[in-house]
Amino acid sequence: MRFVPLLALLAAASPPSAPPPSAPPRSAVTMRVAAPERLTVGDRFPVTLDVTAPSRSLVTGPLPESAGAFVVAGEKRSTRIRSDHVEATYRLELAGFEPGRQRLPVFTFLVQHGARRDTLRSDTASVTIASVLPQKMQDIHGLAPAEAFPNLLLWIVPAAAGLLAALAWLARRLYRKLRRIQELAALPPPPWEEALAALDAAPWREWLESGQVKRFSYTLSQILKRYIERRFEFRAVEQTTTELLASMRSHRTPMREEVARFFSKLDLAKYADSIPPVEEAESAIALAREFVLKTRPIQTPPAAAPAAAGPAPAVGSA
């Protein structure tokens, strides 16, 4: 009889060690531009942004760093969920309003995955925008024979000059109007309108029903922090709850006690992974909305026209 060593029996009986868990994939963004061969002022062309992020990540964007000579005329988004990551595609429609070789704006995405935050920026690209004026002049003909005086065609010269002056004036007005539209499109909306639109657009109930408590809590707190930062003009997005409350006291921000209760409930749900009841979640959203509505600037109604001097005559008086 042959004896097997004890170490060999133990090695054969022990189960194989499990492989170490793989790290979540890194976030990335790629940009694709499909501009036509001839692109003129005001023409729309598609720009596609593909964002890859780990599962259960919060993606905020796209945020253009500087619009420059372009305006974002449309945006569509689609999301595909994979086994270990999420693929989001943003299809934008851009339009340029300055001829020449123009550089596309750089778009920024903020990806929050647990305690890690990534800032993604798209690649740089350029397109050539042609003017709407004709590229070639008309053919030049030979000199016409001399005309006998008086030549009525000479009246066409001042008329054509006046017409060209009128066209130049109209073109200048059109150019200024387009520049004004571009400047207005580049301005962000007021902070209270941005916060209310974000509260209406987020799928709160869907996140709660699917167990995405951290995403619900983080998104709601970020909306309120961004509103506080833009409305009261101090840094609030990057601050903790304790730092934010201290900054609100130093800036004499109203409704500090309500905001303290609001963030204490969100922090409990965020870090304790406790799913709040639907009534409590809806009350948190309602509290954020109430804070925005009560702290937005009060719009004064227009003053009434002054009454005419003296009492109005009675109807039927002599």
C-alpha atoms as a PDB file:
ATOM      1  CA  MET A   1       0.000   0.000   0.000  1.00  0.00           C
ATOM      2  CA  ARG A   2       1.266   3.459  -1.020  1.00  0.00           C
ATOM      3  CA  PHE A   3       0.725   6.451   1.347  1.00  0.00           C
ATOM      4  CA  VAL A   4      -0.084   9.862  -0.071  1.00  0.00           C
ATOM      5  CA  PRO A   5       1.559  12.710   1.835  1.00  0.00           C
ATOM      6  CA  LEU A   6      -0.734  14.704   4.104  1.00  0.00           C
ATOM      7  CA  LEU A   7       0.057  18.027   2.391  1.00  0.00           C
ATOM      8  CA  ALA A   8      -0.964  16.658  -0.988  1.00  0.00           C
ATOM      9  CA  LEU A   9      -4.335  15.481   0.440  1.00  0.00           C
ATOM     10  CA  LEU A  10      -4.981  18.871   1.987  1.00  0.00           C
ATOM     11  CA  ALA A  11      -4.081  20.651  -1.265  1.00  0.00           C
ATOM     12  CA  ALA A  12      -6.393  18.419  -3.254  1.00  0.00           C
ATOM     13  CA  ALA A  13      -9.277  18.890  -0.791  1.00  0.00           C
ATOM     14  CA  SER A  14      -9.060  22.687  -0.502  1.00  0.00           C
ATOM     15  CA  PRO A  15     -11.280  24.559  -3.036  1.00  0.00           C
ATOM     16  CA  PRO A  16      -9.568  26.849  -5.538  1.00  0.00           C
ATOM     17  CA  SER A  17      -9.354  30.470  -4.416  1.00  0.00           C
ATOM     18  CA  ALA A  18     -11.773  32.863  -6.074  1.00  0.00           C
ATOM     19  CA  PRO A  19     -10.237  35.412  -8.439  1.00  0.00           C
ATOM     20  CA  PRO A  20     -10.056  38.956  -7.065  1.00  0.00           C
ATOM     21  CA  PRO A  21     -12.969  41.182  -8.038  1.00  0.00           C
ATOM     22  CA  SER A  22     -12.292  43.222 -11.110  1.00  0.00           C
ATOM     23  CA  ALA A  23     -12.184  46.997 -10.821  1.00  0.00           C
ATOM     24  CA  PRO A  24     -15.035  48.960 -12.429  1.00  0.00           C
ATOM     25  CA  PRO A  25     -14.254  50.257 -15.922  1.00  0.00           C
ATOM     26  CA  ARG A  26     -12.975  53.781 -16.275  1.00  0.00           C
ATOM     27  CA  SER A  27     -15.219  56.547 -17.588  1.00  0.00           C
ATOM     28  CA  ALA A  28     -14.545  57.850 -21.104  1.00  0.00           C
ATOM     29  CA  VAL A  29     -16.100  60.104 -23.753  1.00  0.00           C
ATOM     30  CA  THR A  30     -15.668  60.125 -27.523  1.00  0.00           C
ATOM     31  CA  MET A  31     -16.968  62.642 -30.062  1.00  0.00           C
ATOM     32  CA  ARG A  32     -18.073  62.102 -33.667  1.00  0.00           C
ATOM     33  CA  VAL A  33     -18.743  64.961 -36.083  1.00  0.00           C
ATOM     34  CA  ALA A  34     -20.721  64.408 -39.303  1.00  0.00           C
ATOM     35  CA  ALA A  35     -20.589  67.802 -40.984  1.00  0.00           C
ATOM     36  CA  PRO A  36     -21.579  67.989 -44.691  1.00  0.00           C
ATOM     37  CA  GLU A  37     -19.037  68.857 -47.361  1.00  0.00           C
ATOM     38  CA  ARG A  38     -20.477  72.379 -47.742  1.00  0.00           C
ATOM     39  CA  LEU A  39     -21.607  73.989 -44.495  1.00  0.00           C
ATOM     40  CA  THR A  40     -23.020  77.517 -44.596  1.00  0.00           C
ATOM     41  CA  VAL A  41     -24.024  79.954 -41.870  1.00  0.00           C
ATOM     42  CA  GLY A  42     -27.045  78.666 -39.892  1.00  0.00           C
ATOM     43  CA  ASP A  43     -26.906  75.074 -41.255  1.00  0.00           C
ATOM     44  CA  ARG A  44     -27.390  72.347 -38.649  1.00  0.00           C
ATOM     45  CA  PHE A  45     -25.048  69.371 -38.464  1.00  0.00           C
ATOM     46  CA  PRO A  46     -24.936  66.402 -36.041  1.00  0.00           C
ATOM     47  CA  VAL A  47     -22.352  65.878 -33.300  1.00  0.00           C
ATOM     48  CA  THR A  48     -22.478  62.587 -31.349  1.00  0.00           C
ATOM     49  CA  LEU A  49     -20.983  62.148 -27.865  1.00  0.00           C
ATOM     50  CA  ASP A  50     -20.553  58.589 -26.522  1.00  0.00           C
ATOM     51  CA  VAL A  51     -20.023  58.346 -22.755  1.00  0.00           C
ATOM     52  CA  THR A  52     -18.968  55.107 -21.026  1.00  0.00           C
ATOM     53  CA  ALA A  53     -19.343  54.959 -17.233  1.00  0.00           C
ATOM     54  CA  PRO A  54     -19.482  52.259 -14.532  1.00  0.00           C
ATOM     55  CA  SER A  55     -22.838  50.833 -13.558  1.00  0.00           C
ATOM     56  CA  ARG A  56     -25.023  52.875 -11.182  1.00  0.00           C
ATOM     57  CA  SER A  57     -23.190  56.078 -12.046  1.00  0.00           C
ATOM     58  CA  LEU A  58     -24.682  59.584 -12.157  1.00  0.00           C
ATOM     59  CA  VAL A  59     -23.736  61.373 -15.393  1.00  0.00           C
ATOM     60  CA  THR A  60     -24.286  65.140 -15.586  1.00  0.00           C
ATOM     61  CA  GLY A  61     -23.851  66.913 -18.932  1.00  0.00           C
ATOM     62  CA  PRO A  62     -23.097  67.767 -21.617  1.00  0.00           C
ATOM     63  CA  LEU A  63     -21.919  71.199 -20.448  1.00  0.00           C
ATOM     64  CA  PRO A  64     -20.226  73.332 -23.159  1.00  0.00           C
ATOM     65  CA  GLU A  65     -17.230  75.215 -21.765  1.00  0.00           C
ATOM     66  CA  SER A  66     -17.599  77.996 -24.360  1.00  0.00           C
ATOM     67  CA  ALA A  67     -20.147  78.052 -27.180  1.00  0.00           C
ATOM     68  CA  GLY A  68     -18.020  80.353 -29.368  1.00  0.00           C
ATOM     69  CA  ALA A  69     -19.518  80.672 -32.841  1.00  0.00           C
ATOM     70  CA  PHE A  70     -21.995  77.795 -32.339  1.00  0.00           C
ATOM     71  CA  VAL A  71     -25.430  77.231 -30.813  1.00  0.00           C
ATOM     72  CA  VAL A  72     -26.799  73.859 -29.609  1.00  0.00           C
ATOM     73  CA  ALA A  73     -30.099  73.638 -31.527  1.00  0.00           C
ATOM     74  CA  GLY A  74     -31.206  70.164 -30.339  1.00  0.00           C
ATOM     75  CA  GLU A  75     -30.285  67.250 -28.078  1.00  0.00           C
ATOM     76  CA  LYS A  76     -31.375  63.593 -27.850  1.00  0.00           C
ATOM     77  CA  ARG A  77     -30.109  60.951 -25.426  1.00  0.00           C
ATOM     78  CA  SER A  78     -30.171  57.154 -25.394  1.00  0.00           C
ATOM     79  CA  THR A  79     -28.766  54.773 -22.757  1.00  0.00           C
ATOM     80  CA  ARG A  80     -27.663  51.141 -22.998  1.00  0.00           C
ATOM     81  CA  ILE A  81     -27.030  49.145 -19.792  1.00  0.00           C
ATOM     82  CA  ARG A  82     -24.316  46.483 -20.006  1.00  0.00           C
ATOM     83  CA  SER A  83     -23.184  43.928 -17.415  1.00  0.00           C
ATOM     84  CA  ASP A  84     -20.556  46.162 -15.735  1.00  0.00           C
ATOM     85  CA  HIS A  85     -20.986  49.579 -17.359  1.00  0.00           C
ATOM     86  CA  VAL A  86     -23.447  51.993 -18.938  1.00  0.00           C
ATOM     87  CA  GLU A  87     -23.178  53.470 -22.435  1.00  0.00           C
ATOM     88  CA  ALA A  88     -24.933  56.812 -23.003  1.00  0.00           C
ATOM     89  CA  THR A  89     -25.157  58.468 -26.424  1.00  0.00           C
ATOM     90  CA  TYR A  90     -25.903  62.199 -26.777  1.00  0.00           C
ATOM     91  CA  ARG A  91     -26.917  63.327 -30.274  1.00  0.00           C
ATOM     92  CA  LEU A  92     -26.571  67.074 -30.570  1.00  0.00           C
ATOM     93  CA  GLU A  93     -27.454  69.426 -33.411  1.00  0.00           C
ATOM     94  CA  LEU A  94     -25.096  72.395 -33.746  1.00  0.00           C
ATOM     95  CA  ALA A  95     -25.358  75.492 -35.947  1.00  0.00           C
ATOM     96  CA  GLY A  96     -22.595  78.007 -36.660  1.00  0.00           C
ATOM     97  CA  PHE A  97     -23.115  81.717 -37.256  1.00  0.00           C
ATOM     98  CA  GLU A  98     -19.623  82.919 -38.220  1.00  0.00           C
ATOM     99  CA  PRO A  99     -17.945  82.001 -41.525  1.00  0.00           C
ATOM    100  CA  GLY A 100     -14.430  80.594 -41.647  1.00  0.00           C
ATOM    101  CA  ARG A 101     -12.615  77.808 -39.863  1.00  0.00           C
ATOM    102  CA  GLN A 102     -14.313  77.518 -36.464  1.00  0.00           C
ATOM    103  CA  ARG A 103     -13.405  75.320 -33.503  1.00  0.00           C
ATOM    104  CA  LEU A 104     -16.193  73.240 -31.970  1.00  0.00           C
ATOM    105  CA  PRO A 105     -16.927  73.778 -28.272  1.00  0.00           C
ATOM    106  CA  VAL A 106     -15.503  71.316 -25.737  1.00  0.00           C
ATOM    107  CA  PHE A 107     -18.251  69.455 -23.853  1.00  0.00           C
ATOM    108  CA  THR A 108     -17.760  68.420 -20.218  1.00  0.00           C
ATOM    109  CA  PHE A 109     -19.381  65.501 -18.350  1.00  0.00           C
ATOM    110  CA  LEU A 110     -19.367  64.878 -14.579  1.00  0.00           C
ATOM    111  CA  VAL A 111     -19.488  61.159 -13.666  1.00  0.00           C
ATOM    112  CA  GLN A 112     -20.180  60.255 -10.018  1.00  0.00           C
ATOM    113  CA  HIS A 113     -19.590  56.586  -9.067  1.00  0.00           C
ATOM    114  CA  GLY A 114     -19.655  56.061  -5.342  1.00  0.00           C
ATOM    115  CA  ALA A 115     -16.957  58.227  -3.773  1.00  0.00           C
ATOM    116  CA  ARG A 116     -15.147  58.663  -7.105  1.00  0.00           C
ATOM    117  CA  ARG A 117     -15.887  61.602  -9.391  1.00  0.00           C
ATOM    118  CA  ASP A 118     -14.536  61.857 -12.920  1.00  0.00           C
ATOM    119  CA  THR A 119     -14.556  64.933 -15.157  1.00  0.00           C
ATOM    120  CA  LEU A 120     -14.673  64.024 -18.846  1.00  0.00           C
ATOM    121  CA  ARG A 121     -13.982  66.448 -21.706  1.00  0.00           C
ATOM    122  CA  SER A 122     -14.654  65.775 -25.365  1.00  0.00           C
ATOM    123  CA  ASP A 123     -12.047  65.977 -28.108  1.00  0.00           C
ATOM    124  CA  THR A 124     -11.367  69.134 -30.074  1.00  0.00           C
ATOM    125  CA  ALA A 125     -12.486  69.421 -33.693  1.00  0.00           C
ATOM    126  CA  SER A 126     -13.006  72.151 -36.266  1.00  0.00           C
ATOM    127  CA  VAL A 127     -15.354  72.720 -39.201  1.00  0.00           C
ATOM    128  CA  THR A 128     -15.328  75.200 -42.062  1.00  0.00           C
ATOM    129  CA  ILE A 129     -18.393  77.407 -42.435  1.00  0.00           C
ATOM    130  CA  ALA A 130     -18.931  79.084 -45.801  1.00  0.00           C
ATOM    131  CA  SER A 131     -20.600  82.436 -46.286  1.00  0.00           C
ATOM    132  CA  VAL A 132     -24.062  82.655 -47.832  1.00  0.00           C
ATOM    133  CA  LEU A 133     -22.783  85.166 -50.412  1.00  0.00           C
ATOM    134  CA  PRO A 134     -21.946  83.840 -53.940  1.00  0.00           C
ATOM    135  CA  GLN A 135     -18.362  82.682 -54.373  1.00  0.00           C
ATOM    136  CA  LYS A 136     -17.982  83.763 -58.025  1.00  0.00           C
ATOM    137  CA  MET A 137     -18.805  87.040 -59.722  1.00  0.00           C
ATOM    138  CA  GLN A 138     -20.754  87.324 -62.977  1.00  0.00           C
ATOM    139  CA  ASP A 139     -18.941  87.310 -66.299  1.00  0.00           C
ATOM    140  CA  ILE A 140     -17.384  90.609 -67.414  1.00  0.00           C
ATOM    141  CA  HIS A 141     -18.517  91.676 -70.886  1.00  0.00           C
ATOM    142  CA  GLY A 142     -16.840  94.037 -73.273  1.00  0.00           C
ATOM    143  CA  LEU A 143     -17.443  97.800 -73.364  1.00  0.00           C
ATOM    144  CA  ALA A 144     -20.700  98.898 -74.877  1.00  0.00           C
ATOM    145  CA  PRO A 145     -20.652 101.533 -77.650  1.00  0.00           C
ATOM    146  CA  ALA A 146     -21.042 105.190 -76.710  1.00  0.00           C
ATOM    147  CA  GLU A 147     -24.585 106.340 -76.104  1.00  0.00           C
ATOM    148  CA  ALA A 148     -25.974 109.629 -77.335  1.00  0.00           C
ATOM    149  CA  PHE A 149     -26.840 112.232 -74.711  1.00  0.00           C
ATOM    150  CA  PRO A 150     -29.165 112.287 -72.861  1.00  0.00           C
ATOM    151  CA  ASN A 151     -28.705 108.668 -71.638  1.00  0.00           C
ATOM    152  CA  LEU A 152     -31.530 107.593 -69.399  1.00  0.00           C
ATOM    153  CA  LEU A 153     -29.532 104.561 -68.288  1.00  0.00           C
ATOM    154  CA  LEU A 154     -27.384 106.910 -66.149  1.00  0.00           C
ATOM    155  CA  TRP A 155     -30.273 107.094 -63.713  1.00  0.00           C
ATOM    156  CA  ILE A 156     -29.713 103.427 -62.958  1.00  0.00           C
ATOM    157  CA  VAL A 157     -26.384 104.192 -61.249  1.00  0.00           C
ATOM    158  CA  PRO A 158     -27.764 106.212 -58.293  1.00  0.00           C
ATOM    159  CA  ALA A 159     -30.720 103.845 -58.029  1.00  0.00           C
ATOM    160  CA  ALA A 160     -28.367 100.848 -57.845  1.00  0.00           C
ATOM    161  CA  ALA A 161     -26.207 102.656 -55.283  1.00  0.00           C
ATOM    162  CA  GLY A 162     -29.252 103.325 -53.119  1.00  0.00           C
ATOM    163  CA  LEU A 163     -30.355  99.711 -53.448  1.00  0.00           C
ATOM    164  CA  LEU A 164     -26.898  98.454 -52.452  1.00  0.00           C
ATOM    165  CA  ALA A 165     -26.899 100.795 -49.459  1.00  0.00           C
ATOM    166  CA  ALA A 166     -30.295  99.465 -48.371  1.00  0.00           C
ATOM    167  CA  LEU A 167     -29.121  95.869 -48.772  1.00  0.00           C
ATOM    168  CA  ALA A 168     -25.981  96.628 -46.760  1.00  0.00           C
ATOM    169  CA  TRP A 169     -28.097  98.154 -44.006  1.00  0.00           C
ATOM    170  CA  LEU A 170     -30.397  95.119 -43.927  1.00  0.00           C
ATOM    171  CA  ALA A 171     -27.423  92.746 -43.897  1.00  0.00           C
ATOM    172  CA  ARG A 172     -25.893  94.640 -40.972  1.00  0.00           C
ATOM    173  CA  ARG A 173     -29.151  94.423 -39.022  1.00  0.00           C
ATOM    174  CA  LEU A 174     -29.411  90.704 -39.759  1.00  0.00           C
ATOM    175  CA  TYR A 175     -25.834  90.141 -38.609  1.00  0.00           C
ATOM    176  CA  ARG A 176     -26.465  92.008 -35.348  1.00  0.00           C
ATOM    177  CA  LYS A 177     -29.664  90.038 -34.782  1.00  0.00           C
ATOM    178  CA  LEU A 178     -27.845  86.737 -35.282  1.00  0.00           C
ATOM    179  CA  ARG A 179     -25.130  87.831 -32.868  1.00  0.00           C
ATOM    180  CA  ARG A 180     -27.766  88.772 -30.333  1.00  0.00           C
ATOM    181  CA  ILE A 181     -29.443  85.368 -30.701  1.00  0.00           C
ATOM    182  CA  GLN A 182     -26.087  83.688 -30.173  1.00  0.00           C
ATOM    183  CA  GLU A 183     -25.398  85.727 -27.040  1.00  0.00           C
ATOM    184  CA  LEU A 184     -28.834  84.975 -25.592  1.00  0.00           C
ATOM    185  CA  ALA A 185     -28.480  81.265 -26.348  1.00  0.00           C
ATOM    186  CA  ALA A 186     -25.106  81.158 -24.560  1.00  0.00           C
ATOM    187  CA  LEU A 187     -26.522  82.674 -21.346  1.00  0.00           C
ATOM    188  CA  PRO A 188     -27.590  80.103 -18.725  1.00  0.00           C
ATOM    189  CA  PRO A 189     -31.177  80.239 -17.437  1.00  0.00           C
ATOM    190  CA  PRO A 190     -31.843  81.876 -14.053  1.00  0.00           C
ATOM    191  CA  PRO A 191     -30.938  79.594 -11.116  1.00  0.00           C
ATOM    192  CA  TRP A 192     -34.558  79.192  -9.943  1.00  0.00           C
ATOM    193  CA  GLU A 193     -35.756  78.182 -13.430  1.00  0.00           C
ATOM    194  CA  GLU A 194     -32.864  75.720 -13.786  1.00  0.00           C
ATOM    195  CA  ALA A 195     -33.584  74.146 -10.365  1.00  0.00           C
ATOM    196  CA  LEU A 196     -37.343  73.826 -10.958  1.00  0.00           C
ATOM    197  CA  ALA A 197     -36.772  72.284 -14.407  1.00  0.00           C
ATOM    198  CA  ALA A 198     -34.299  69.769 -12.929  1.00  0.00           C
ATOM    199  CA  LEU A 199     -36.773  68.824 -10.178  1.00  0.00           C
ATOM    200  CA  ASP A 200     -39.481  68.208 -12.792  1.00  0.00           C
ATOM    201  CA  ALA A 201     -37.240  66.250 -15.189  1.00  0.00           C
ATOM    202  CA  ALA A 202     -35.598  63.719 -12.832  1.00  0.00           C
ATOM    203  CA  PRO A 203     -37.300  60.252 -12.641  1.00  0.00           C
ATOM    204  CA  TRP A 204     -37.524  60.190  -8.805  1.00  0.00           C
ATOM    205  CA  ARG A 205     -40.116  57.412  -8.426  1.00  0.00           C
ATOM    206  CA  GLU A 206     -38.337  55.180 -10.951  1.00  0.00           C
ATOM    207  CA  TRP A 207     -35.069  55.459  -9.010  1.00  0.00           C
ATOM    208  CA  LEU A 208     -36.769  54.616  -5.709  1.00  0.00           C
ATOM    209  CA  GLU A 209     -38.636  51.636  -7.143  1.00  0.00           C
ATOM    210  CA  SER A 210     -35.403  50.238  -8.628  1.00  0.00           C
ATOM    211  CA  GLY A 211     -33.465  50.696  -5.373  1.00  0.00           C
ATOM    212  CA  GLN A 212     -31.214  53.512  -6.607  1.00  0.00           C
ATOM    213  CA  VAL A 213     -31.283  55.330  -3.266  1.00  0.00           C
ATOM    214  CA  LYS A 214     -27.831  56.889  -3.577  1.00  0.00           C
ATOM    215  CA  ARG A 215     -28.605  58.227  -7.028  1.00  0.00           C
ATOM    216  CA  PHE A 216     -31.874  59.705  -5.767  1.00  0.00           C
ATOM    217  CA  SER A 217     -30.222  61.349  -2.739  1.00  0.00           C
ATOM    218  CA  TYR A 218     -27.144  62.603  -4.609  1.00  0.00           C
ATOM    219  CA  THR A 219     -29.121  64.110  -7.503  1.00  0.00           C
ATOM    220  CA  LEU A 220     -31.607  65.866  -5.214  1.00  0.00           C
ATOM    221  CA  SER A 221     -28.822  67.308  -3.010  1.00  0.00           C
ATOM    222  CA  GLN A 222     -26.796  68.434  -6.065  1.00  0.00           C
ATOM    223  CA  ILE A 223     -29.806  70.281  -7.527  1.00  0.00           C
ATOM    224  CA  LEU A 224     -30.346  72.190  -4.285  1.00  0.00           C
ATOM    225  CA  LYS A 225     -26.605  72.871  -3.790  1.00  0.00           C
ATOM    226  CA  ARG A 226     -26.236  74.195  -7.341  1.00  0.00           C
ATOM    227  CA  TYR A 227     -29.244  76.478  -6.819  1.00  0.00           C
ATOM    228  CA  ILE A 228     -27.798  77.797  -3.535  1.00  0.00           C
ATOM    229  CA  GLU A 229     -24.404  78.384  -5.189  1.00  0.00           C
ATOM    230  CA  ARG A 230     -25.848  80.320  -8.146  1.00  0.00           C
ATOM    231  CA  ARG A 231     -28.557  82.148  -6.183  1.00  0.00           C
ATOM    232  CA  PHE A 232     -26.496  83.320  -3.178  1.00  0.00           C
ATOM    233  CA  GLU A 233     -23.091  83.431  -4.976  1.00  0.00           C
ATOM    234  CA  PHE A 234     -20.889  81.239  -2.775  1.00  0.00           C
ATOM    235  CA  ARG A 235     -19.355  77.827  -3.405  1.00  0.00           C
ATOM    236  CA  ALA A 236     -21.791  75.133  -2.275  1.00  0.00           C
ATOM    237  CA  VAL A 237     -21.608  72.203  -4.723  1.00  0.00           C
ATOM    238  CA  GLU A 238     -18.272  70.857  -3.447  1.00  0.00           C
ATOM    239  CA  GLN A 239     -19.034  71.419   0.253  1.00  0.00           C
ATOM    240  CA  THR A 240     -20.155  68.852   2.812  1.00  0.00           C
ATOM    241  CA  THR A 241     -23.374  69.318   4.733  1.00  0.00           C
ATOM    242  CA  THR A 242     -21.544  70.834   7.736  1.00  0.00           C
ATOM    243  CA  GLU A 243     -19.563  73.230   5.541  1.00  0.00           C
ATOM    244  CA  LEU A 244     -22.682  74.220   3.611  1.00  0.00           C
ATOM    245  CA  LEU A 245     -24.659  75.067   6.755  1.00  0.00           C
ATOM    246  CA  ALA A 246     -21.733  77.140   8.066  1.00  0.00           C
ATOM    247  CA  SER A 247     -21.559  79.057   4.768  1.00  0.00           C
ATOM    248  CA  MET A 248     -25.317  79.660   4.858  1.00  0.00           C
ATOM    249  CA  ARG A 249     -25.017  81.122   8.379  1.00  0.00           C
ATOM    250  CA  SER A 250     -22.171  83.424   7.333  1.00  0.00           C
ATOM    251  CA  HIS A 251     -24.106  84.637   4.267  1.00  0.00           C
ATOM    252  CA  ARG A 252     -27.377  84.963   6.261  1.00  0.00           C
ATOM    253  CA  THR A 253     -29.213  82.628   3.915  1.00  0.00           C
ATOM    254  CA  PRO A 254     -32.901  82.131   4.837  1.00  0.00           C
ATOM    255  CA  MET A 255     -34.540  78.788   5.780  1.00  0.00           C
ATOM    256  CA  ARG A 256     -31.332  77.338   7.252  1.00  0.00           C
ATOM    257  CA  GLU A 257     -33.162  75.011   9.661  1.00  0.00           C
ATOM    258  CA  GLU A 258     -35.283  73.528   6.867  1.00  0.00           C
ATOM    259  CA  VAL A 259     -32.167  72.963   4.735  1.00  0.00           C
ATOM    260  CA  ALA A 260     -30.408  71.290   7.688  1.00  0.00           C
ATOM    261  CA  ARG A 261     -33.279  68.819   8.134  1.00  0.00           C
ATOM    262  CA  PHE A 262     -33.379  68.263   4.376  1.00  0.00           C
ATOM    263  CA  PHE A 263     -29.694  67.270   4.103  1.00  0.00           C
ATOM    264  CA  SER A 264     -29.746  65.178   7.299  1.00  0.00           C
ATOM    265  CA  LYS A 265     -32.465  62.960   5.798  1.00  0.00           C
ATOM    266  CA  LEU A 266     -30.632  62.712   2.457  1.00  0.00           C
ATOM    267  CA  ASP A 267     -27.310  61.851   4.144  1.00  0.00           C
ATOM    268  CA  LEU A 268     -29.025  59.090   6.130  1.00  0.00           C
ATOM    269  CA  ALA A 269     -30.471  57.570   2.964  1.00  0.00           C
ATOM    270  CA  LYS A 270     -27.199  58.044   1.035  1.00  0.00           C
ATOM    271  CA  TYR A 271     -24.756  56.505   3.497  1.00  0.00           C
ATOM    272  CA  ALA A 272     -27.005  54.043   5.344  1.00  0.00           C
ATOM    273  CA  ASP A 273     -28.543  52.577   2.138  1.00  0.00           C
ATOM    274  CA  SER A 274     -31.992  52.859   3.714  1.00  0.00           C
ATOM    275  CA  ILE A 275     -34.824  53.209   1.226  1.00  0.00           C
ATOM    276  CA  PRO A 276     -37.059  56.057   2.431  1.00  0.00           C
ATOM    277  CA  PRO A 277     -40.843  55.711   2.226  1.00  0.00           C
ATOM    278  CA  VAL A 278     -42.524  57.264  -0.775  1.00  0.00           C
ATOM    279  CA  GLU A 279     -44.184  59.916   1.397  1.00  0.00           C
ATOM    280  CA  GLU A 280     -40.831  60.929   2.934  1.00  0.00           C
ATOM    281  CA  ALA A 281     -39.126  61.078  -0.477  1.00  0.00           C
ATOM    282  CA  GLU A 282     -41.928  63.208  -1.921  1.00  0.00           C
ATOM    283  CA  SER A 283     -41.727  65.530   1.099  1.00  0.00           C
ATOM    284  CA  ALA A 284     -37.981  65.980   0.474  1.00  0.00           C
ATOM    285  CA  ILE A 285     -38.647  66.950  -3.146  1.00  0.00           C
ATOM    286  CA  ALA A 286     -41.435  69.279  -2.036  1.00  0.00           C
ATOM    287  CA  LEU A 287     -39.106  70.908   0.526  1.00  0.00           C
ATOM    288  CA  ALA A 288     -36.470  71.562  -2.150  1.00  0.00           C
ATOM    289  CA  ARG A 289     -39.114  73.070  -4.431  1.00  0.00           C
ATOM    290  CA  GLU A 290     -40.475  75.203  -1.569  1.00  0.00           C
ATOM    291  CA  PHE A 291     -36.983  76.523  -0.783  1.00  0.00           C
ATOM    292  CA  VAL A 292     -36.465  77.543  -4.424  1.00  0.00           C
ATOM    293  CA  LEU A 293     -39.863  79.229  -4.686  1.00  0.00           C
ATOM    294  CA  LYS A 294     -39.482  81.147  -1.411  1.00  0.00           C
ATOM    295  CA  THR A 295     -35.925  82.365  -2.058  1.00  0.00           C
ATOM    296  CA  ARG A 296     -36.242  83.437  -5.697  1.00  0.00           C
ATOM    297  CA  PRO A 297     -36.346  87.196  -6.344  1.00  0.00           C
ATOM    298  CA  ILE A 298     -39.717  88.858  -5.945  1.00  0.00           C
ATOM    299  CA  GLN A 299     -40.943  90.320  -9.225  1.00  0.00           C
ATOM    300  CA  THR A 300     -42.584  93.675  -8.590  1.00  0.00           C
ATOM    301  CA  PRO A 301     -45.745  94.318 -10.660  1.00  0.00           C
ATOM    302  CA  PRO A 302     -45.684  97.329 -13.015  1.00  0.00           C
ATOM    303  CA  ALA A 303     -46.864 100.582 -11.482  1.00  0.00           C
ATOM    304  CA  ALA A 304     -50.420 101.602 -12.317  1.00  0.00           C
ATOM    305  CA  ALA A 305     -50.957 104.622 -14.523  1.00  0.00           C
ATOM    306  CA  PRO A 306     -51.596 107.841 -12.528  1.00  0.00           C
ATOM    307  CA  ALA A 307     -55.235 108.872 -12.304  1.00  0.00           C
ATOM    308  CA  ALA A 308     -56.373 111.955 -14.185  1.00  0.00           C
ATOM    309  CA  ALA A 309     -56.657 115.189 -12.195  1.00  0.00           C
ATOM    310  CA  GLY A 310     -60.107 115.898 -10.808  1.00  0.00           C
ATOM    311  CA  PRO A 311     -63.095 113.564 -10.399  1.00  0.00           C
ATOM    312  CA  ALA A 312     -64.657 111.925 -13.429  1.00  0.00           C
ATOM    313  CA  PRO A 313     -67.948 113.508 -14.574  1.00  0.00           C
ATOM    314  CA  ALA A 314     -71.090 111.581 -13.763  1.00  0.00           C
ATOM    315  CA  VAL A 315     -72.930 109.845 -16.536  1.00  0.00           C
ATOM    316  CA  GLY A 316     -75.859 111.907 -17.792  1.00  0.00           C
ATOM    317  CA  SER A 317     -74.816 115.110 -16.077  1.00  0.00           C
ATOM    318  CA  ALA A 318     -75.418 118.372 -17.825  1.00  0.00           C
END
